[in-house]
N, C-alpha and C. Protein backbone atom coordinates (compact mmCIF):
# COMPACT_ATOMS: atom_id res chain seq x y z
N UNK A 1 9.56 -44.03 -27.39
CA UNK A 1 9.15 -44.89 -28.52
C UNK A 1 9.43 -43.91 -29.72
N UNK A 2 10.09 -43.97 -30.89
CA UNK A 2 10.15 -43.02 -32.20
C UNK A 2 8.99 -43.09 -32.85
N UNK A 3 7.95 -41.93 -33.30
CA UNK A 3 7.33 -41.99 -34.36
C UNK A 3 7.40 -41.34 -35.48
N UNK A 4 6.42 -41.64 -36.40
CA UNK A 4 7.09 -41.02 -38.00
C UNK A 4 7.23 -40.21 -38.39
N UNK A 5 6.64 -38.72 -37.17
CA UNK A 5 6.85 -37.32 -37.35
C UNK A 5 8.51 -37.11 -36.72
N UNK A 6 9.03 -37.96 -35.88
CA UNK A 6 10.60 -37.77 -35.49
C UNK A 6 11.11 -37.84 -36.45
N UNK A 7 11.21 -38.96 -37.56
CA UNK A 7 11.97 -39.03 -38.09
C UNK A 7 12.26 -38.06 -39.12
N UNK A 8 13.87 -38.18 -39.63
CA UNK A 8 13.97 -36.67 -40.01
C UNK A 8 13.66 -37.34 -41.76
N UNK A 9 13.16 -36.21 -42.65
CA UNK A 9 12.81 -36.27 -43.68
C UNK A 9 14.04 -37.24 -44.46
N UNK A 10 14.18 -37.81 -45.19
CA UNK A 10 14.75 -38.47 -46.38
C UNK A 10 15.38 -37.89 -47.48
N UNK A 11 16.32 -37.21 -47.31
CA UNK A 11 16.45 -36.38 -48.91
C UNK A 11 17.21 -37.31 -50.34
N UNK A 12 16.11 -37.71 -50.76
CA UNK A 12 16.86 -38.02 -51.82
C UNK A 12 17.01 -37.61 -52.91
N UNK A 13 18.35 -37.30 -53.61
CA UNK A 13 18.67 -36.12 -54.49
C UNK A 13 17.98 -36.60 -56.03
N UNK A 14 17.88 -35.69 -56.50
CA UNK A 14 17.28 -35.67 -57.91
C UNK A 14 18.38 -36.54 -58.89
N UNK A 15 17.51 -37.42 -59.84
CA UNK A 15 18.63 -38.25 -60.79
C UNK A 15 18.44 -37.29 -61.87
N UNK A 16 19.44 -37.35 -62.40
CA UNK A 16 19.61 -36.35 -63.73
C UNK A 16 20.26 -37.53 -64.70
N UNK A 17 19.92 -37.60 -65.87
CA UNK A 17 20.30 -38.80 -67.47
C UNK A 17 20.26 -37.35 -68.28
N UNK A 18 21.50 -36.89 -68.68
CA UNK A 18 21.77 -36.43 -70.12
C UNK A 18 22.21 -37.02 -70.82
N UNK A 19 21.44 -36.90 -72.17
CA UNK A 19 21.69 -37.84 -73.52
C UNK A 19 22.06 -37.12 -74.77
N UNK A 20 22.87 -37.05 -75.82
CA UNK A 20 22.73 -36.43 -77.08
C UNK A 20 21.85 -37.23 -77.90
N UNK A 21 20.77 -37.03 -78.54
CA UNK A 21 20.37 -37.43 -79.61
C UNK A 21 19.38 -35.92 -80.10
N UNK A 22 18.50 -36.20 -81.04
CA UNK A 22 17.91 -35.24 -81.58
C UNK A 22 16.22 -35.57 -81.40
N UNK A 23 15.17 -34.70 -82.35
CA UNK A 23 13.95 -34.81 -81.96
C UNK A 23 13.57 -36.08 -81.95
N UNK A 24 13.44 -36.72 -82.81
CA UNK A 24 12.77 -38.28 -83.56
C UNK A 24 12.96 -39.27 -82.09
N UNK A 25 14.50 -39.08 -81.40
CA UNK A 25 14.79 -39.91 -80.46
C UNK A 25 14.23 -39.58 -79.26
N UNK A 26 14.24 -38.28 -79.16
CA UNK A 26 13.36 -37.84 -77.69
C UNK A 26 11.82 -37.92 -77.90
N UNK A 27 11.35 -37.99 -78.70
CA UNK A 27 10.02 -38.48 -78.99
C UNK A 27 10.05 -39.86 -78.81
N UNK A 28 10.44 -40.80 -78.99
CA UNK A 28 10.35 -42.20 -78.79
C UNK A 28 10.74 -42.19 -77.07
N UNK A 29 11.83 -41.51 -76.58
CA UNK A 29 12.02 -41.61 -74.84
C UNK A 29 10.70 -41.10 -74.50
N UNK A 30 10.14 -40.24 -74.68
CA UNK A 30 8.89 -39.28 -74.43
C UNK A 30 7.95 -40.25 -74.21
N UNK A 31 7.53 -40.88 -75.44
CA UNK A 31 6.66 -42.42 -75.75
C UNK A 31 6.97 -43.43 -74.25
N UNK A 32 8.12 -43.51 -74.64
CA UNK A 32 8.53 -44.86 -73.25
C UNK A 32 8.04 -44.36 -72.22
N UNK A 33 8.20 -43.38 -71.83
CA UNK A 33 7.69 -42.59 -70.19
C UNK A 33 6.81 -42.44 -70.01
N UNK A 34 5.83 -42.83 -70.76
CA UNK A 34 4.61 -42.07 -70.42
C UNK A 34 3.92 -42.72 -69.48
N UNK A 35 4.51 -44.05 -69.28
CA UNK A 35 3.97 -45.12 -67.60
C UNK A 35 4.49 -44.68 -66.56
N UNK A 36 5.41 -43.42 -66.73
CA UNK A 36 6.07 -43.01 -65.41
C UNK A 36 5.96 -41.53 -65.50
N UNK A 37 5.01 -41.05 -64.53
CA UNK A 37 4.63 -39.87 -64.55
C UNK A 37 5.61 -38.76 -63.56
N UNK A 38 6.47 -39.62 -62.83
CA UNK A 38 7.10 -38.76 -62.05
C UNK A 38 8.68 -38.30 -62.87
N UNK A 39 8.85 -38.72 -63.82
CA UNK A 39 9.80 -37.99 -64.82
C UNK A 39 9.17 -36.76 -65.34
N UNK A 40 10.40 -35.98 -65.56
CA UNK A 40 10.42 -34.97 -65.87
C UNK A 40 11.53 -34.74 -67.57
N UNK A 41 10.86 -34.86 -68.39
CA UNK A 41 11.43 -34.64 -69.80
C UNK A 41 12.47 -33.05 -70.42
N UNK A 42 12.91 -32.94 -70.78
CA UNK A 42 13.29 -31.95 -71.75
C UNK A 42 13.98 -32.08 -72.85
N UNK A 43 14.25 -30.94 -73.92
CA UNK A 43 14.57 -31.30 -75.10
C UNK A 43 15.07 -30.32 -75.86
N UNK A 44 16.71 -29.86 -75.88
CA UNK A 44 16.51 -28.30 -76.86
C UNK A 44 18.39 -28.74 -76.87
N UNK A 45 18.70 -28.16 -78.69
CA UNK A 45 19.60 -28.30 -78.91
C UNK A 45 20.70 -29.36 -79.01
N UNK A 46 19.44 -30.49 -78.91
CA UNK A 46 20.76 -31.84 -79.18
C UNK A 46 20.94 -32.57 -78.20
N UNK A 47 20.15 -32.01 -77.14
CA UNK A 47 20.50 -32.60 -75.62
C UNK A 47 19.03 -33.11 -74.96
N UNK A 48 19.13 -34.06 -74.89
CA UNK A 48 17.57 -35.19 -74.16
C UNK A 48 18.27 -35.06 -72.44
N UNK A 49 17.46 -34.19 -71.55
CA UNK A 49 17.68 -34.41 -70.40
C UNK A 49 16.04 -35.49 -69.74
N UNK A 50 16.48 -36.11 -68.88
CA UNK A 50 15.63 -36.94 -68.28
C UNK A 50 16.06 -36.85 -66.40
N UNK A 51 14.98 -36.04 -65.84
CA UNK A 51 15.31 -36.22 -64.46
C UNK A 51 14.02 -36.53 -63.72
N UNK A 52 14.78 -37.21 -63.02
CA UNK A 52 13.68 -38.32 -61.85
C UNK A 52 13.63 -37.22 -60.40
N UNK A 53 12.47 -36.10 -59.99
CA UNK A 53 13.07 -35.60 -58.82
C UNK A 53 12.76 -36.31 -57.32
N UNK A 54 13.62 -35.95 -56.73
CA UNK A 54 13.59 -36.65 -55.50
C UNK A 54 12.55 -35.53 -54.42
N UNK A 55 12.49 -36.09 -53.23
CA UNK A 55 11.49 -36.02 -52.47
C UNK A 55 11.53 -34.00 -51.96
N UNK A 56 12.51 -33.33 -51.63
CA UNK A 56 12.53 -32.07 -51.49
C UNK A 56 12.23 -31.58 -52.61
N UNK A 57 12.89 -31.82 -53.60
CA UNK A 57 12.33 -30.94 -55.32
C UNK A 57 10.83 -31.21 -54.99
N UNK A 58 9.99 -32.20 -55.09
CA UNK A 58 8.86 -32.43 -54.85
C UNK A 58 7.74 -31.26 -53.81
N UNK A 59 8.59 -31.58 -52.66
CA UNK A 59 7.95 -30.84 -51.65
C UNK A 59 7.98 -29.14 -51.92
N UNK A 60 9.26 -28.75 -52.59
CA UNK A 60 8.87 -27.32 -52.59
C UNK A 60 8.17 -26.88 -53.85
N UNK A 61 8.24 -28.12 -54.79
CA UNK A 61 7.38 -27.56 -56.09
C UNK A 61 5.64 -27.64 -55.54
N UNK A 62 5.40 -28.57 -54.57
CA UNK A 62 4.17 -28.57 -54.01
C UNK A 62 3.89 -27.11 -53.32
N UNK A 63 4.65 -26.89 -52.75
CA UNK A 63 4.63 -25.68 -51.64
C UNK A 63 4.21 -24.34 -52.73
N UNK A 64 5.32 -24.26 -53.98
CA UNK A 64 5.06 -23.26 -54.66
C UNK A 64 3.80 -22.90 -55.29
N UNK A 65 3.63 -24.30 -55.80
CA UNK A 65 1.97 -24.27 -56.37
C UNK A 65 0.79 -23.84 -55.73
N UNK A 66 0.73 -24.38 -54.38
CA UNK A 66 -0.55 -24.32 -53.47
C UNK A 66 -0.63 -22.85 -52.93
N UNK A 67 1.30 -22.11 -52.91
CA UNK A 67 0.73 -20.85 -52.40
C UNK A 67 0.72 -19.62 -53.52
N UNK A 68 1.15 -20.15 -54.56
CA UNK A 68 0.43 -19.00 -56.11
C UNK A 68 -0.62 -19.41 -56.04
N UNK A 69 -1.43 -20.48 -56.05
CA UNK A 69 -2.90 -20.65 -56.41
C UNK A 69 -3.56 -19.75 -55.24
N UNK A 70 -3.00 -20.25 -54.15
CA UNK A 70 -4.05 -19.06 -52.88
C UNK A 70 -4.13 -17.80 -53.23
N UNK A 71 -2.66 -16.79 -53.89
CA UNK A 71 -2.35 -15.70 -53.95
C UNK A 71 -3.57 -15.46 -55.08
N UNK A 72 -3.28 -15.95 -56.34
CA UNK A 72 -4.35 -15.60 -57.50
C UNK A 72 -5.75 -15.55 -57.11
N UNK A 73 -6.32 -16.61 -56.46
CA UNK A 73 -7.47 -17.21 -56.47
C UNK A 73 -7.69 -15.91 -55.21
N UNK A 74 -6.95 -15.61 -54.30
CA UNK A 74 -7.64 -14.39 -53.24
C UNK A 74 -7.74 -13.11 -53.84
N UNK A 75 -6.65 -13.10 -54.93
CA UNK A 75 -6.77 -11.54 -56.03
C UNK A 75 -7.67 -11.99 -56.95
N UNK A 76 -8.87 -12.61 -56.90
CA UNK A 76 -9.57 -12.97 -58.19
C UNK A 76 -9.25 -12.67 -59.44
N UNK A 77 -7.78 -13.29 -59.49
CA UNK A 77 -7.41 -13.34 -60.90
C UNK A 77 -7.50 -14.45 -61.27
N UNK A 78 -8.19 -14.67 -62.78
CA UNK A 78 -8.20 -15.85 -63.56
C UNK A 78 -7.10 -16.68 -63.96
N UNK A 79 -7.09 -17.64 -63.17
CA UNK A 79 -6.05 -18.37 -63.73
C UNK A 79 -5.98 -19.99 -63.67
N UNK A 80 -5.10 -20.49 -65.14
CA UNK A 80 -5.34 -22.33 -64.63
C UNK A 80 -4.07 -22.90 -64.37
N UNK A 81 -3.87 -23.50 -63.93
CA UNK A 81 -2.62 -24.37 -63.29
C UNK A 81 -2.53 -25.64 -64.45
N UNK A 82 -1.47 -25.29 -65.06
CA UNK A 82 -1.26 -26.58 -65.92
C UNK A 82 -0.04 -27.86 -65.26
N UNK A 83 0.67 -27.11 -64.06
CA UNK A 83 1.52 -28.15 -63.63
C UNK A 83 2.49 -28.61 -64.81
N UNK A 84 2.95 -29.55 -64.78
CA UNK A 84 4.14 -29.90 -65.50
C UNK A 84 3.49 -30.41 -66.75
N UNK A 85 2.64 -30.02 -67.38
CA UNK A 85 2.12 -30.69 -68.68
C UNK A 85 3.53 -29.72 -69.72
N UNK A 86 3.47 -31.06 -70.76
CA UNK A 86 4.65 -30.25 -71.77
C UNK A 86 4.31 -29.07 -72.60
N UNK A 87 5.46 -28.46 -72.71
CA UNK A 87 5.38 -27.31 -73.60
C UNK A 87 6.52 -27.22 -74.55
N UNK A 88 5.92 -27.74 -75.78
CA UNK A 88 6.86 -27.60 -76.70
C UNK A 88 6.75 -27.07 -78.04
N UNK A 89 8.03 -26.82 -78.73
CA UNK A 89 7.75 -26.07 -79.96
C UNK A 89 8.56 -27.16 -80.80
N UNK A 90 7.81 -27.91 -81.70
CA UNK A 90 7.80 -29.09 -82.43
C UNK A 90 9.46 -28.51 -82.95
N UNK A 91 10.42 -29.92 -82.78
CA UNK A 91 11.51 -30.35 -83.46
C UNK A 91 13.04 -29.27 -82.97
N UNK A 92 12.35 -28.29 -81.98
CA UNK A 92 13.40 -27.82 -81.38
C UNK A 92 13.20 -27.45 -79.88
N UNK A 93 12.39 -27.42 -79.12
CA UNK A 93 12.45 -27.76 -77.98
C UNK A 93 11.35 -28.22 -77.42
N UNK A 94 11.58 -28.74 -75.62
CA UNK A 94 10.40 -29.52 -75.07
C UNK A 94 10.79 -28.85 -73.79
N UNK A 95 9.75 -28.77 -72.89
CA UNK A 95 9.93 -28.70 -70.99
C UNK A 95 8.74 -29.30 -70.26
N UNK A 96 9.20 -29.75 -69.17
CA UNK A 96 8.13 -30.15 -68.42
C UNK A 96 8.30 -29.47 -66.99
N UNK A 97 8.33 -28.18 -66.94
CA UNK A 97 8.28 -27.75 -65.67
C UNK A 97 7.41 -28.47 -64.46
N UNK A 98 7.76 -27.84 -62.84
CA UNK A 98 7.40 -28.73 -62.18
C UNK A 98 5.93 -27.79 -62.00
N UNK A 99 6.23 -26.43 -61.99
CA UNK A 99 4.67 -25.73 -61.92
C UNK A 99 4.65 -24.77 -63.13
N UNK A 100 3.28 -24.65 -63.90
CA UNK A 100 3.12 -24.06 -65.14
C UNK A 100 1.74 -23.03 -64.63
N UNK A 101 1.59 -22.09 -65.15
CA UNK A 101 0.16 -21.09 -65.17
C UNK A 101 0.08 -20.58 -66.56
N UNK A 102 -1.34 -20.17 -66.88
CA UNK A 102 -2.30 -19.26 -67.66
C UNK A 102 -2.70 -18.21 -67.03
N UNK A 103 -2.33 -17.24 -66.84
CA UNK A 103 -2.73 -16.27 -66.00
C UNK A 103 -3.64 -15.20 -67.16
N UNK A 104 -5.08 -14.97 -66.32
CA UNK A 104 -5.45 -13.84 -67.16
C UNK A 104 -6.66 -14.42 -68.45
N UNK A 105 -6.53 -15.68 -69.20
CA UNK A 105 -6.93 -16.39 -70.38
C UNK A 105 -5.95 -17.98 -70.54
N UNK A 106 -6.93 -18.59 -71.10
CA UNK A 106 -6.22 -20.01 -71.56
C UNK A 106 -5.23 -19.92 -72.48
N UNK A 107 -4.12 -20.46 -73.08
CA UNK A 107 -3.20 -20.32 -73.74
C UNK A 107 -2.68 -21.28 -74.11
N UNK A 108 -2.17 -21.64 -75.19
CA UNK A 108 -1.46 -22.93 -75.57
C UNK A 108 -0.39 -23.20 -74.63
N UNK A 109 0.34 -21.69 -74.88
CA UNK A 109 1.94 -21.70 -73.84
C UNK A 109 1.72 -20.69 -72.68
N UNK A 110 1.66 -21.62 -71.40
CA UNK A 110 1.43 -20.80 -70.11
C UNK A 110 2.24 -19.36 -70.50
N UNK A 111 1.65 -18.42 -69.78
CA UNK A 111 2.33 -17.72 -69.41
C UNK A 111 3.80 -17.33 -68.30
N UNK A 112 3.80 -18.55 -67.16
CA UNK A 112 5.03 -18.92 -66.25
C UNK A 112 5.13 -19.79 -66.21
N UNK A 113 6.37 -20.71 -66.28
CA UNK A 113 6.81 -21.54 -65.85
C UNK A 113 8.07 -21.40 -64.59
N UNK A 114 7.76 -22.86 -63.99
CA UNK A 114 8.54 -22.75 -62.78
C UNK A 114 9.43 -23.80 -62.42
N UNK A 115 10.58 -23.72 -62.27
CA UNK A 115 11.42 -24.59 -62.17
C UNK A 115 12.37 -24.75 -60.67
N UNK A 116 11.72 -26.23 -59.79
CA UNK A 116 12.97 -26.31 -58.66
C UNK A 116 14.29 -26.88 -59.19
N UNK A 117 15.27 -26.47 -58.93
CA UNK A 117 16.52 -26.75 -59.14
C UNK A 117 17.44 -27.17 -58.28
N UNK A 118 17.59 -28.50 -58.26
CA UNK A 118 18.35 -29.74 -57.23
C UNK A 118 20.13 -29.81 -58.08
N UNK A 119 19.72 -30.11 -59.86
CA UNK A 119 20.68 -31.01 -60.08
C UNK A 119 21.76 -30.14 -61.21
N UNK A 120 20.94 -28.92 -61.45
CA UNK A 120 21.71 -27.67 -62.51
C UNK A 120 21.61 -26.39 -62.47
N UNK A 121 22.62 -25.67 -62.70
CA UNK A 121 21.96 -24.32 -62.43
C UNK A 121 20.88 -24.06 -63.06
N UNK A 122 20.00 -22.85 -63.01
CA UNK A 122 18.71 -22.29 -63.90
C UNK A 122 18.95 -21.78 -64.70
N UNK A 123 19.79 -20.70 -64.95
CA UNK A 123 20.03 -19.99 -66.48
C UNK A 123 20.39 -20.70 -67.41
N UNK A 124 21.14 -21.96 -67.27
CA UNK A 124 21.24 -22.67 -68.55
C UNK A 124 19.78 -23.03 -69.22
N UNK A 125 19.22 -22.94 -68.52
CA UNK A 125 17.82 -23.55 -69.01
C UNK A 125 16.92 -22.84 -69.70
N UNK A 126 17.02 -21.82 -69.86
CA UNK A 126 16.50 -20.63 -70.28
C UNK A 126 16.42 -20.49 -71.70
N UNK A 127 17.19 -21.02 -72.42
CA UNK A 127 17.25 -21.28 -73.80
C UNK A 127 16.03 -21.80 -74.71
N UNK A 128 15.94 -22.97 -73.70
CA UNK A 128 14.32 -24.25 -74.09
C UNK A 128 12.98 -23.35 -73.72
N UNK A 129 13.08 -22.34 -72.83
CA UNK A 129 12.10 -21.91 -72.36
C UNK A 129 11.90 -20.95 -73.83
N UNK A 130 12.83 -19.76 -73.99
CA UNK A 130 12.77 -18.81 -75.09
C UNK A 130 12.33 -19.50 -76.67
N UNK A 131 12.90 -20.59 -76.91
CA UNK A 131 12.28 -21.21 -77.84
C UNK A 131 10.98 -21.54 -77.71
N UNK A 132 10.23 -22.35 -76.98
CA UNK A 132 9.37 -22.39 -76.70
C UNK A 132 8.15 -21.09 -76.69
N UNK A 133 8.85 -20.06 -75.94
CA UNK A 133 7.89 -18.80 -75.97
C UNK A 133 7.22 -18.45 -74.64
N UNK A 134 8.15 -19.02 -73.62
CA UNK A 134 7.40 -18.61 -72.31
C UNK A 134 7.35 -16.91 -71.71
N UNK A 135 6.43 -16.17 -71.58
CA UNK A 135 6.91 -15.23 -71.04
C UNK A 135 7.73 -14.73 -69.88
N UNK A 136 7.49 -15.37 -68.74
CA UNK A 136 8.02 -15.59 -67.49
C UNK A 136 8.63 -16.96 -67.11
N UNK A 137 9.99 -16.79 -66.68
CA UNK A 137 10.34 -18.21 -66.21
C UNK A 137 10.68 -17.93 -64.68
N UNK A 138 10.53 -18.67 -63.27
CA UNK A 138 11.08 -18.44 -62.31
C UNK A 138 11.87 -20.10 -62.02
N UNK A 139 12.93 -19.95 -61.41
CA UNK A 139 13.72 -21.03 -60.49
C UNK A 139 13.90 -20.91 -59.46
N UNK A 140 13.96 -21.71 -58.57
CA UNK A 140 13.84 -21.76 -57.24
C UNK A 140 15.09 -22.38 -56.47
N UNK A 141 15.92 -22.08 -56.14
CA UNK A 141 17.24 -22.50 -56.34
C UNK A 141 18.01 -22.44 -54.91
N UNK A 142 18.23 -23.17 -54.35
CA UNK A 142 19.23 -23.07 -52.86
C UNK A 142 18.14 -21.82 -51.72
N UNK A 143 16.89 -22.06 -51.89
CA UNK A 143 16.05 -20.76 -51.20
C UNK A 143 15.93 -19.56 -51.69
N UNK A 144 16.47 -19.58 -52.84
CA UNK A 144 16.34 -18.36 -53.78
C UNK A 144 15.26 -18.57 -54.89
N UNK A 145 14.67 -17.23 -55.06
CA UNK A 145 13.70 -17.19 -56.19
C UNK A 145 14.56 -16.63 -57.40
N UNK A 146 14.78 -16.60 -58.55
CA UNK A 146 15.35 -16.29 -59.92
C UNK A 146 14.29 -15.89 -60.97
N UNK A 147 13.70 -14.74 -61.10
CA UNK A 147 12.81 -14.60 -62.08
C UNK A 147 13.38 -14.34 -63.43
N UNK A 148 12.77 -14.52 -64.46
CA UNK A 148 13.43 -13.98 -66.17
C UNK A 148 11.87 -13.66 -66.48
N UNK A 149 11.61 -12.20 -67.38
CA UNK A 149 10.89 -12.06 -68.30
C UNK A 149 11.67 -11.97 -69.69
N UNK A 150 10.65 -12.65 -70.69
CA UNK A 150 10.97 -12.57 -71.95
C UNK A 150 11.14 -11.39 -72.62
N UNK A 151 12.49 -10.88 -73.46
CA UNK A 151 12.10 -9.83 -74.29
C UNK A 151 12.69 -10.01 -75.50
N UNK A 152 12.62 -9.27 -76.67
CA UNK A 152 12.54 -9.47 -77.56
C UNK A 152 14.12 -9.70 -78.13
N UNK A 153 15.39 -9.92 -77.38
CA UNK A 153 16.38 -10.34 -77.64
C UNK A 153 16.96 -11.32 -76.41
N UNK A 154 15.83 -12.00 -75.59
CA UNK A 154 16.08 -12.96 -74.45
C UNK A 154 15.71 -12.76 -73.24
N UNK A 155 15.74 -13.36 -72.52
CA UNK A 155 15.39 -13.17 -71.02
C UNK A 155 16.29 -12.13 -70.39
N UNK A 156 15.25 -11.74 -69.60
CA UNK A 156 16.24 -10.44 -68.34
C UNK A 156 15.62 -10.61 -67.12
N UNK A 157 16.78 -10.93 -66.41
CA UNK A 157 16.50 -11.20 -64.87
C UNK A 157 15.96 -9.76 -64.07
N UNK A 158 14.69 -10.22 -63.54
CA UNK A 158 14.13 -9.11 -62.99
C UNK A 158 14.51 -9.23 -61.41
N UNK A 159 13.56 -8.27 -60.37
CA UNK A 159 13.56 -8.46 -59.49
C UNK A 159 11.80 -8.67 -58.68
N UNK A 160 10.97 -8.28 -59.47
CA UNK A 160 9.55 -8.27 -59.34
C UNK A 160 8.80 -8.92 -60.60
N UNK A 161 7.63 -10.09 -60.78
CA UNK A 161 7.13 -10.20 -61.72
C UNK A 161 6.93 -8.98 -62.66
N UNK A 162 6.52 -9.58 -63.88
CA UNK A 162 6.07 -8.13 -64.62
C UNK A 162 4.30 -8.93 -65.29
N UNK A 163 3.95 -10.38 -64.62
CA UNK A 163 2.63 -10.40 -65.26
C UNK A 163 1.66 -9.94 -64.69
N UNK A 164 0.86 -9.55 -65.36
CA UNK A 164 -0.45 -8.80 -64.85
C UNK A 164 -0.89 -10.20 -63.40
N UNK A 165 -1.29 -10.04 -62.56
CA UNK A 165 -1.86 -10.58 -61.71
C UNK A 165 -0.87 -10.94 -60.60
N UNK A 166 0.53 -10.95 -61.03
CA UNK A 166 1.41 -11.31 -60.22
C UNK A 166 2.82 -10.12 -59.76
N UNK A 167 2.00 -8.64 -60.28
CA UNK A 167 3.08 -7.72 -60.12
C UNK A 167 3.24 -7.34 -58.52
N UNK A 168 1.73 -7.74 -58.07
CA UNK A 168 2.09 -6.97 -56.66
C UNK A 168 2.26 -8.36 -55.43
N UNK A 169 2.93 -9.47 -55.66
CA UNK A 169 3.39 -10.15 -54.92
C UNK A 169 4.36 -10.10 -54.59
N UNK A 170 4.54 -9.89 -53.10
CA UNK A 170 5.74 -9.61 -52.42
C UNK A 170 7.02 -11.18 -52.44
N UNK A 171 7.59 -11.14 -53.01
CA UNK A 171 8.57 -12.21 -52.94
C UNK A 171 8.70 -12.67 -51.95
N UNK A 172 9.91 -11.50 -51.05
CA UNK A 172 9.96 -12.30 -49.69
C UNK A 172 9.35 -12.62 -49.07
N UNK A 173 7.70 -12.11 -49.06
CA UNK A 173 7.09 -12.79 -48.24
C UNK A 173 6.91 -14.49 -48.55
N UNK A 174 6.40 -14.56 -50.16
CA UNK A 174 6.39 -15.86 -50.86
C UNK A 174 7.69 -16.91 -50.36
N UNK A 175 8.65 -16.84 -50.13
CA UNK A 175 9.54 -17.59 -50.34
C UNK A 175 9.83 -17.75 -48.80
N UNK A 176 9.38 -16.80 -47.91
CA UNK A 176 9.23 -17.38 -46.30
C UNK A 176 8.11 -18.61 -46.49
N UNK A 177 7.34 -18.54 -47.02
CA UNK A 177 6.40 -19.02 -46.80
C UNK A 177 6.74 -20.53 -47.47
N UNK A 178 7.25 -20.33 -48.42
CA UNK A 178 7.80 -21.10 -49.52
C UNK A 178 8.71 -22.42 -48.58
N UNK A 179 9.73 -21.93 -47.78
CA UNK A 179 10.84 -22.84 -46.70
C UNK A 179 9.98 -23.07 -45.81
N UNK A 180 8.70 -22.23 -45.03
CA UNK A 180 8.04 -22.78 -44.21
C UNK A 180 7.36 -24.12 -44.54
N UNK A 181 6.83 -24.10 -45.88
CA UNK A 181 6.11 -25.14 -46.48
C UNK A 181 6.90 -26.48 -46.83
N UNK A 182 8.49 -26.41 -46.20
CA UNK A 182 9.24 -27.42 -46.28
C UNK A 182 8.75 -28.47 -45.39
N UNK A 183 8.68 -28.17 -44.53
CA UNK A 183 8.32 -28.80 -43.34
C UNK A 183 6.73 -28.71 -42.98
N UNK A 184 6.06 -28.02 -43.16
CA UNK A 184 4.82 -27.84 -42.64
C UNK A 184 3.86 -27.27 -43.82
N UNK A 185 3.20 -28.01 -44.59
CA UNK A 185 1.97 -27.52 -45.72
C UNK A 185 1.19 -26.47 -44.87
N UNK A 186 0.40 -27.40 -44.34
CA UNK A 186 -0.64 -26.16 -43.44
C UNK A 186 -0.47 -25.37 -42.50
N UNK A 187 0.81 -25.03 -41.85
CA UNK A 187 1.30 -24.02 -41.12
C UNK A 187 1.55 -22.71 -42.70
N UNK A 188 2.11 -23.43 -43.33
CA UNK A 188 2.53 -22.32 -44.55
C UNK A 188 1.15 -21.58 -45.23
N UNK A 189 0.37 -22.30 -45.49
CA UNK A 189 -1.02 -22.11 -46.10
C UNK A 189 -1.76 -20.98 -45.02
N UNK A 190 -1.51 -21.44 -44.07
CA UNK A 190 -2.60 -20.66 -43.02
C UNK A 190 -1.66 -18.98 -42.88
N UNK A 191 -0.82 -19.30 -42.49
CA UNK A 191 0.13 -18.12 -42.64
C UNK A 191 0.17 -17.48 -43.71
N UNK A 192 0.17 -17.83 -44.99
CA UNK A 192 0.20 -17.24 -46.25
C UNK A 192 -1.38 -16.21 -46.15
N UNK A 193 -2.33 -17.29 -45.92
CA UNK A 193 -3.70 -16.63 -46.11
C UNK A 193 -3.85 -15.27 -44.93
N UNK A 194 -3.60 -15.69 -44.04
CA UNK A 194 -3.20 -14.50 -42.91
C UNK A 194 -2.89 -12.99 -43.57
N UNK A 195 -1.48 -13.44 -44.39
CA UNK A 195 -1.04 -12.22 -44.94
C UNK A 195 -1.45 -11.68 -45.72
N UNK A 196 -2.53 -12.63 -46.91
CA UNK A 196 -2.89 -12.56 -48.05
C UNK A 196 -4.54 -11.39 -47.48
N UNK A 197 -4.79 -11.94 -46.07
CA UNK A 197 -5.98 -10.73 -46.19
C UNK A 197 -5.71 -9.17 -45.23
N UNK A 198 -4.36 -8.97 -45.82
CA UNK A 198 -4.09 -7.80 -45.06
C UNK A 198 -3.96 -6.94 -46.60
N UNK A 199 -3.87 -7.59 -47.79
CA UNK A 199 -3.59 -6.69 -49.06
C UNK A 199 -5.23 -6.01 -49.61
């Protein structure tokens, strides 16, 4: 007999709609989507994007969120998980990342935004985060983390987080546990907790 745990995970792809439009049109669409919390909305440079994340997208986003929260809590670092709350610079840019965090203190714009990328490349999304003023942006794509830190002239690709509280995070260890979390959240949390006890 086949049980629910024997069935393969259905991998519904992300659905992406991109439209040309201005800020006022974007705000109308944003208001119309208020009753659909699963939609992610973005605006920059006259382009409106509506993303409906598929199941794999949400699984990875949750795994990343859980593991980062574990790390920050175990390191006794103040943080506020802001999730996919709107990040905006009125009239210019708006984003709803999969995860976002204020670290060290509460701020109007989070220090870190993270996007799981299935529908299009991450680097093309950096301009909107630069307009908003997010210090660091991470993209999870095809099993890899790409990190970018905001400089005076734009984002620079970095190998290690430069945010206080995350500088000592081993990204290879984090990546292994994110991949583990794709199929077993409890095991990923347990294994990552064991690793954190060694720090």
